[in-house]
Protein backbone atom coordinates (compact mmCIF):
# COMPACT_ATOMS: atom_id res chain seq x y z
CA MET A 1 -0.03 0.18 0.03
CA LYS A 2 0.92 3.39 -0.67
CA GLU A 3 1.84 5.12 2.52
CA TYR A 4 1.06 8.33 3.50
CA PRO A 5 3.47 10.05 5.71
CA ASN A 6 0.56 12.02 7.15
CA LEU A 7 -3.25 13.16 7.46
CA LEU A 8 -2.19 17.15 5.90
CA LYS A 9 -0.66 14.91 3.11
CA ILE A 10 -4.09 12.84 2.52
CA ILE A 11 -6.43 15.84 2.56
CA GLU A 12 -4.34 17.45 0.03
CA ASP A 13 -4.34 14.41 -2.38
CA THR A 14 -8.06 14.02 -1.77
CA GLN A 15 -8.47 17.90 -2.30
CA HIS A 16 -6.21 17.82 -5.54
CA ARG A 17 -8.47 14.73 -7.35
CA LEU A 18 -11.96 16.13 -5.92
CA GLY A 19 -10.93 19.63 -8.21
CA GLU A 20 -9.78 17.22 -11.34
CA LEU A 21 -12.53 15.20 -10.97
CA THR A 22 -14.71 18.48 -10.83
CA LYS A 23 -13.19 19.88 -14.05
CA SER A 24 -13.95 16.35 -15.77
CA LEU A 25 -17.42 16.71 -14.86
CA LYS A 26 -17.73 20.12 -16.17
CA GLY A 27 -15.76 18.47 -19.48
CA TRP A 28 -18.61 15.39 -19.53
CA ASN A 29 -21.33 17.39 -19.20
CA LEU A 30 -20.68 19.81 -21.85
CA ILE A 31 -19.86 17.07 -24.24
CA GLY A 32 -23.25 15.52 -23.41
CA GLY A 33 -25.02 18.88 -24.22
CA LEU A 34 -23.38 19.00 -27.29
CA PHE A 35 -24.38 16.13 -28.74
CA SER A 36 -27.40 15.87 -26.87
CA GLU A 37 -29.40 16.17 -30.21
CA ALA A 38 -27.35 13.68 -32.46
CA ARG A 39 -27.67 14.06 -36.05
CA THR A 40 -25.41 11.79 -36.89
CA SER A 41 -23.64 8.37 -35.69
CA GLU A 42 -20.64 10.02 -34.26
CA GLU A 43 -22.35 12.40 -32.54
CA ASP A 44 -24.45 9.64 -31.29
CA ILE A 45 -21.44 7.48 -30.02
CA ALA A 46 -20.25 10.78 -28.79
CA HIS A 47 -23.31 11.82 -26.43
CA ALA A 48 -23.32 8.25 -25.06
CA LEU A 49 -19.43 8.20 -24.08
CA ALA A 50 -20.34 11.62 -22.54
CA VAL A 51 -23.00 10.25 -20.35
CA GLU A 52 -21.08 6.91 -19.23
CA GLY A 53 -18.08 9.70 -18.62
CA ARG A 54 -20.36 11.14 -16.23
CA GLU A 55 -21.46 8.20 -14.05
CA LEU A 56 -17.58 7.60 -14.13
CA VAL A 57 -17.08 10.72 -12.50
CA LYS A 58 -19.40 10.64 -10.26
CA ASN A 59 -18.87 7.27 -8.80
CA SER A 60 -15.46 8.34 -8.32
CA LEU A 61 -16.35 11.68 -6.63
CA ARG A 62 -18.21 9.65 -4.17
CA LEU A 63 -15.33 7.09 -3.62
CA THR A 64 -12.99 10.03 -3.26
CA PHE A 65 -15.52 11.33 -0.50
CA ALA A 66 -15.13 7.64 1.30
CA LEU A 67 -11.85 7.56 0.93
CA GLY A 68 -10.62 10.97 2.90
CA GLU A 69 -13.39 9.76 5.69
CA ALA A 70 -11.77 6.16 5.49
CA ALA A 71 -8.05 8.10 6.01
CA MET A 72 -9.22 10.22 8.40
CA ARG A 73 -10.74 7.17 10.51
CA GLY A 74 -7.08 5.37 9.82
CA ASP A 75 -8.55 2.77 7.96
CA ALA A 76 -5.61 1.56 5.67
CA LYS A 77 -6.70 -1.33 4.09
CA ARG A 78 -10.18 0.49 3.05
CA VAL A 79 -7.69 3.72 1.68
CA GLU A 80 -5.61 1.06 -0.15
CA ARG A 81 -8.74 -0.52 -1.45
CA LEU A 82 -10.03 2.71 -2.44
CA VAL A 83 -7.06 3.56 -4.37
CA HIS A 84 -7.02 0.91 -6.17
CA VAL A 85 -10.94 0.95 -7.45
CA LEU A 86 -10.09 4.63 -8.13
CA ASP A 87 -7.13 4.34 -10.01
CA GLN A 88 -9.31 1.86 -12.11
CA LEU A 89 -12.13 4.45 -12.56
CA ASP A 90 -9.46 6.91 -13.89
CA SER A 91 -8.25 4.49 -16.40
CA ARG A 92 -11.61 3.86 -18.07
CA GLU A 93 -12.18 7.75 -18.23
CA SER A 94 -8.91 8.14 -19.88
CA ARG A 95 -9.77 5.49 -22.19
CA LEU A 96 -13.36 6.84 -22.51
CA ALA A 97 -11.87 10.41 -23.22
CA GLY A 98 -10.13 9.11 -26.06
CA LEU A 99 -12.87 7.10 -27.83
CA CYS A 100 -15.19 10.10 -27.56
CA GLN A 101 -11.83 12.75 -28.85
CA ASN A 102 -11.70 10.04 -31.64
CA ALA A 103 -16.18 9.89 -32.39
CA ILE A 104 -15.92 14.07 -31.84
CA ARG A 105 -12.92 14.23 -35.00
CA GLN A 106 -15.05 12.15 -37.36
CA THR A 107 -17.73 14.22 -36.52
CA GLU A 108 -15.40 17.18 -37.65
CA GLY A 109 -14.36 15.27 -40.69
CA LYS A 110 -17.85 14.59 -42.28
CA GLU A 111 -19.02 18.18 -41.76
CA ALA A 112 -15.81 19.12 -43.67
CA ARG A 113 -16.85 17.27 -46.41
CA GLU A 114 -20.61 18.15 -46.69
């Protein structure tokens, strides 16, 4: 397990993670809104990926709060499990972001050809 030197470090890490998740949630909401009335299959894919990305971020937010609480209680095993799960969710979100960017690029390419 990754050892935290003190409670302040845990709080700083949690605060940073929450800030990044907030930015991600705003981005997924923006993409979801932009492609909510999809006209092409690529736009439909971008919207679906944005919805899934938003759900991942919402789960990550919930688990990040749980991480902070577990750390403050000194529950090292729970902290370790939550960090592992959050890392997996971060990887999934990054993959979704790449797929969504590809769908958006394909949409731009179709608009340029038309």
